[in-house]
Amino acid sequence: MQIIKPAILISALAASALSLGGCATKDYVNEHVAAVDAKVQATQSQVDQHQTHLSQLDQTTKDALDRATAAGKLAEGKFLYSMVLSDDSVKFPVDRAKLSPEAQERLTAFADKLKDDNRNVYLEIQGHTDATGPDSLNTRLGEERAEAVRLFMNQHGVPLNRMATISYGKQDPVANNKTRTGRAQNRRVVMVVMS
């Protein structure tokens, strides 16, 4: 029987302990690296989402600036008069931009008046809504109402380059939004005529 010297035994035990410790350390590092990788991927996903959102905001800002520039050009002119198409006379349906027969009749008469006046005038067509629904929907709906009026006026002889649209959404109410009558008055399009 061979006797193992204590020094060799201690060396063997130390070497096996180090190798086991090395494995545990490697597993520990791999585990933490995987956790950090997961956090980096989640952060990158959030950055991508924010980048997409910023791109959408940039386009919205550009559109708003274009409308403001057009309105500024119109504002350089002198106010002559305005005409209001509100729900009590032309029946803008809730959440709709379609022109009713009453609205078309009034707009035809208005286009004829502009042609009879035979003046180079500019129109600012302002779209308004009541306060029901989210801001984004009301802004879009106000723009759609103003655009429907602009296209109708163009079909009746008013040049497109003499008209600009802007949506105020629910920002500029003329009546209380807590009543049905008030909400009906707030669903309107205002046409401002300037020289």
Protein backbone atom coordinates (compact mmCIF):
# COMPACT_ATOMS: atom_id res chain seq x y z
CA MET A 1 0.00 0.00 0.00
CA GLN A 2 1.21 3.35 -1.02
CA ILE A 3 1.12 6.18 1.45
CA ILE A 4 0.02 9.48 0.11
CA LYS A 5 2.00 12.33 1.42
CA PRO A 6 0.02 15.09 3.11
CA ALA A 7 1.48 17.75 0.83
CA ILE A 8 0.27 15.95 -2.29
CA LEU A 9 -3.16 15.41 -0.75
CA ILE A 10 -3.46 19.09 0.17
CA SER A 11 -2.36 20.11 -3.33
CA ALA A 12 -4.92 17.81 -4.92
CA LEU A 13 -7.70 19.11 -2.69
CA ALA A 14 -6.73 22.72 -3.39
CA ALA A 15 -6.67 22.11 -7.14
CA SER A 16 -10.11 20.48 -7.11
CA ALA A 17 -11.48 23.30 -4.94
CA LEU A 18 -10.11 25.88 -7.37
CA SER A 19 -11.59 24.08 -10.37
CA LEU A 20 -14.98 23.85 -8.66
CA GLY A 21 -14.76 27.53 -7.69
CA GLY A 22 -13.84 28.41 -11.25
CA CYS A 23 -16.93 26.64 -12.55
CA ALA A 24 -19.14 28.38 -10.05
CA THR A 25 -17.62 31.73 -10.96
CA LYS A 26 -18.07 31.08 -14.69
CA ASP A 27 -21.75 30.11 -14.14
CA TYR A 28 -22.23 33.19 -11.98
CA VAL A 29 -20.73 35.46 -14.65
CA ASN A 30 -22.77 33.82 -17.42
CA GLU A 31 -25.93 34.27 -15.39
CA HIS A 32 -25.26 37.96 -14.80
CA VAL A 33 -24.21 38.57 -18.41
CA ALA A 34 -27.50 37.04 -19.56
CA ALA A 35 -29.42 39.32 -17.18
CA VAL A 36 -27.53 42.39 -18.42
CA ASP A 37 -28.14 41.32 -22.06
CA ALA A 38 -31.86 41.07 -21.36
CA LYS A 39 -31.86 44.57 -19.84
CA VAL A 40 -29.92 45.95 -22.83
CA GLN A 41 -32.41 44.40 -25.25
CA ALA A 42 -35.36 45.81 -23.28
CA THR A 43 -33.73 49.25 -23.23
CA GLN A 44 -33.06 49.07 -26.98
CA SER A 45 -36.70 48.20 -27.56
CA GLN A 46 -37.76 51.25 -25.54
CA VAL A 47 -35.32 53.46 -27.45
CA ASP A 48 -36.77 52.17 -30.74
CA GLN A 49 -40.31 52.92 -29.54
CA HIS A 50 -39.31 56.43 -28.45
CA GLN A 51 -37.58 57.02 -31.79
CA THR A 52 -40.75 56.01 -33.65
CA HIS A 53 -42.83 58.30 -31.43
CA LEU A 54 -40.43 61.21 -32.03
CA SER A 55 -40.67 60.67 -35.79
CA GLN A 56 -44.47 60.85 -35.56
CA LEU A 57 -44.23 64.01 -33.45
CA ASP A 58 -41.84 65.55 -35.99
CA GLN A 59 -44.39 64.96 -38.79
CA THR A 60 -47.22 66.36 -36.62
CA THR A 61 -45.10 69.42 -35.84
CA LYS A 62 -44.32 69.93 -39.53
CA ASP A 63 -48.00 69.69 -40.43
CA ALA A 64 -48.91 72.18 -37.69
CA LEU A 65 -46.18 74.57 -38.87
CA ASP A 66 -47.46 74.35 -42.46
CA ARG A 67 -51.00 75.16 -41.30
CA ALA A 68 -49.74 78.01 -39.11
CA THR A 69 -47.72 79.45 -42.00
CA ALA A 70 -50.77 79.35 -44.27
CA ALA A 71 -52.89 80.94 -41.54
CA GLY A 72 -50.21 83.59 -41.02
CA LYS A 73 -50.32 84.50 -44.70
CA LEU A 74 -54.07 84.80 -44.47
CA ALA A 75 -53.83 86.85 -41.28
CA GLU A 76 -51.77 89.46 -43.10
CA GLY A 77 -55.00 90.43 -44.82
CA LYS A 78 -57.72 92.58 -43.34
CA PHE A 79 -60.76 90.90 -41.74
CA LEU A 80 -63.91 91.52 -43.76
CA TYR A 81 -66.56 89.19 -42.29
CA SER A 82 -67.17 85.62 -41.23
CA MET A 83 -69.83 82.97 -41.67
CA VAL A 84 -70.53 80.18 -39.19
CA LEU A 85 -71.90 76.77 -40.09
CA SER A 86 -73.05 75.35 -36.77
CA ASP A 87 -75.00 72.26 -35.91
CA ASP A 88 -78.23 74.14 -35.30
CA SER A 89 -78.38 75.20 -38.97
CA VAL A 90 -76.44 72.56 -40.89
CA LYS A 91 -76.49 69.48 -38.65
CA PHE A 92 -72.91 68.26 -38.39
CA PRO A 93 -73.40 64.70 -37.18
CA VAL A 94 -71.49 63.56 -34.11
CA ASP A 95 -68.07 62.17 -35.13
CA ARG A 96 -68.68 62.96 -38.81
CA ALA A 97 -67.47 65.56 -41.29
CA LYS A 98 -70.07 64.96 -44.02
CA LEU A 99 -71.85 68.08 -45.19
CA SER A 100 -75.63 67.94 -44.86
CA PRO A 101 -77.90 69.22 -47.64
CA GLU A 102 -78.53 72.34 -45.50
CA ALA A 103 -74.78 72.96 -45.25
CA GLN A 104 -74.32 72.49 -48.99
CA GLU A 105 -77.14 74.94 -49.68
CA ARG A 106 -75.61 77.59 -47.41
CA LEU A 107 -72.13 77.02 -48.85
CA THR A 108 -73.42 77.34 -52.42
CA ALA A 109 -75.01 80.68 -51.53
CA PHE A 110 -71.79 81.76 -49.79
CA ALA A 111 -69.65 80.80 -52.84
CA ASP A 112 -72.06 82.73 -55.09
CA LYS A 113 -71.74 85.80 -52.82
CA LEU A 114 -67.96 85.61 -53.03
CA LYS A 115 -68.12 85.41 -56.84
CA ASP A 116 -70.66 88.29 -56.99
CA ASP A 117 -68.43 90.46 -54.79
CA ASN A 118 -65.70 89.79 -57.38
CA ARG A 119 -62.92 90.55 -54.93
CA ASN A 120 -59.68 88.74 -54.32
CA VAL A 121 -60.42 87.48 -50.85
CA TYR A 122 -58.86 84.79 -48.71
CA LEU A 123 -60.75 82.30 -46.58
CA GLU A 124 -59.56 80.78 -43.35
CA ILE A 125 -61.78 77.76 -42.70
CA GLN A 126 -61.77 76.79 -39.03
CA GLY A 127 -62.99 73.38 -37.88
CA HIS A 128 -64.43 73.01 -34.37
CA THR A 129 -65.87 70.11 -32.36
CA ASP A 130 -67.64 69.56 -29.08
CA ALA A 131 -65.68 68.27 -26.07
CA THR A 132 -66.70 64.61 -26.26
CA GLY A 133 -63.90 62.23 -27.16
CA PRO A 134 -60.11 62.48 -26.95
CA ASP A 135 -58.15 65.53 -28.13
CA SER A 136 -56.52 63.68 -31.03
CA LEU A 137 -59.91 62.61 -32.41
CA ASN A 138 -61.37 66.11 -32.05
CA THR A 139 -58.37 67.73 -33.76
CA ARG A 140 -58.64 65.29 -36.67
CA LEU A 141 -62.43 65.72 -36.88
CA GLY A 142 -62.14 69.52 -36.88
CA GLU A 143 -59.64 69.28 -39.74
CA GLU A 144 -61.90 66.91 -41.68
CA ARG A 145 -64.87 69.27 -41.31
CA ALA A 146 -62.83 72.27 -42.46
CA GLU A 147 -61.40 70.27 -45.36
CA ALA A 148 -64.90 69.13 -46.43
CA VAL A 149 -65.95 72.78 -46.61
CA ARG A 150 -62.78 73.78 -48.49
CA LEU A 151 -63.28 71.08 -51.13
CA PHE A 152 -66.97 71.98 -51.55
CA MET A 153 -66.10 75.66 -51.96
CA ASN A 154 -63.46 74.75 -54.56
CA GLN A 155 -66.04 72.72 -56.50
CA HIS A 156 -68.13 75.89 -56.58
CA GLY A 157 -65.45 78.14 -58.02
CA VAL A 158 -63.33 79.32 -55.09
CA PRO A 159 -59.63 78.71 -55.87
CA LEU A 160 -57.79 76.37 -53.50
CA ASN A 161 -54.86 78.79 -53.16
CA ARG A 162 -57.21 81.31 -51.60
CA MET A 163 -58.30 79.00 -48.79
CA ALA A 164 -56.54 77.52 -45.78
CA THR A 165 -57.89 75.18 -43.12
CA ILE A 166 -57.12 74.93 -39.44
CA SER A 167 -58.57 72.70 -36.74
CA TYR A 168 -59.24 74.01 -33.26
CA GLY A 169 -60.84 70.73 -32.19
CA LYS A 170 -62.58 71.33 -28.87
CA GLN A 171 -60.28 74.19 -27.81
CA ASP A 172 -62.51 77.15 -28.64
CA PRO A 173 -66.08 76.40 -27.54
CA VAL A 174 -68.82 79.00 -28.00
CA ALA A 175 -71.25 77.24 -25.64
CA ASN A 176 -71.26 74.94 -22.62
CA ASN A 177 -70.27 71.38 -23.53
CA LYS A 178 -72.33 69.98 -20.64
CA THR A 179 -75.60 70.42 -22.51
CA ARG A 180 -76.80 68.88 -25.77
CA THR A 181 -77.61 72.33 -27.16
CA GLY A 182 -74.17 73.65 -26.23
CA ARG A 183 -72.40 70.69 -27.81
CA ALA A 184 -74.44 71.19 -31.00
CA GLN A 185 -73.32 74.85 -31.17
CA ASN A 186 -69.68 73.85 -30.70
CA ARG A 187 -69.79 71.44 -33.68
CA ARG A 188 -69.19 74.08 -36.33
CA VAL A 189 -67.06 75.43 -39.13
CA VAL A 190 -66.22 79.15 -39.21
CA MET A 191 -65.20 80.80 -42.48
CA VAL A 192 -63.27 84.01 -41.99
CA VAL A 193 -63.12 86.22 -45.08
CA MET A 194 -60.12 88.56 -45.42
CA SER A 195 -58.97 90.91 -48.12
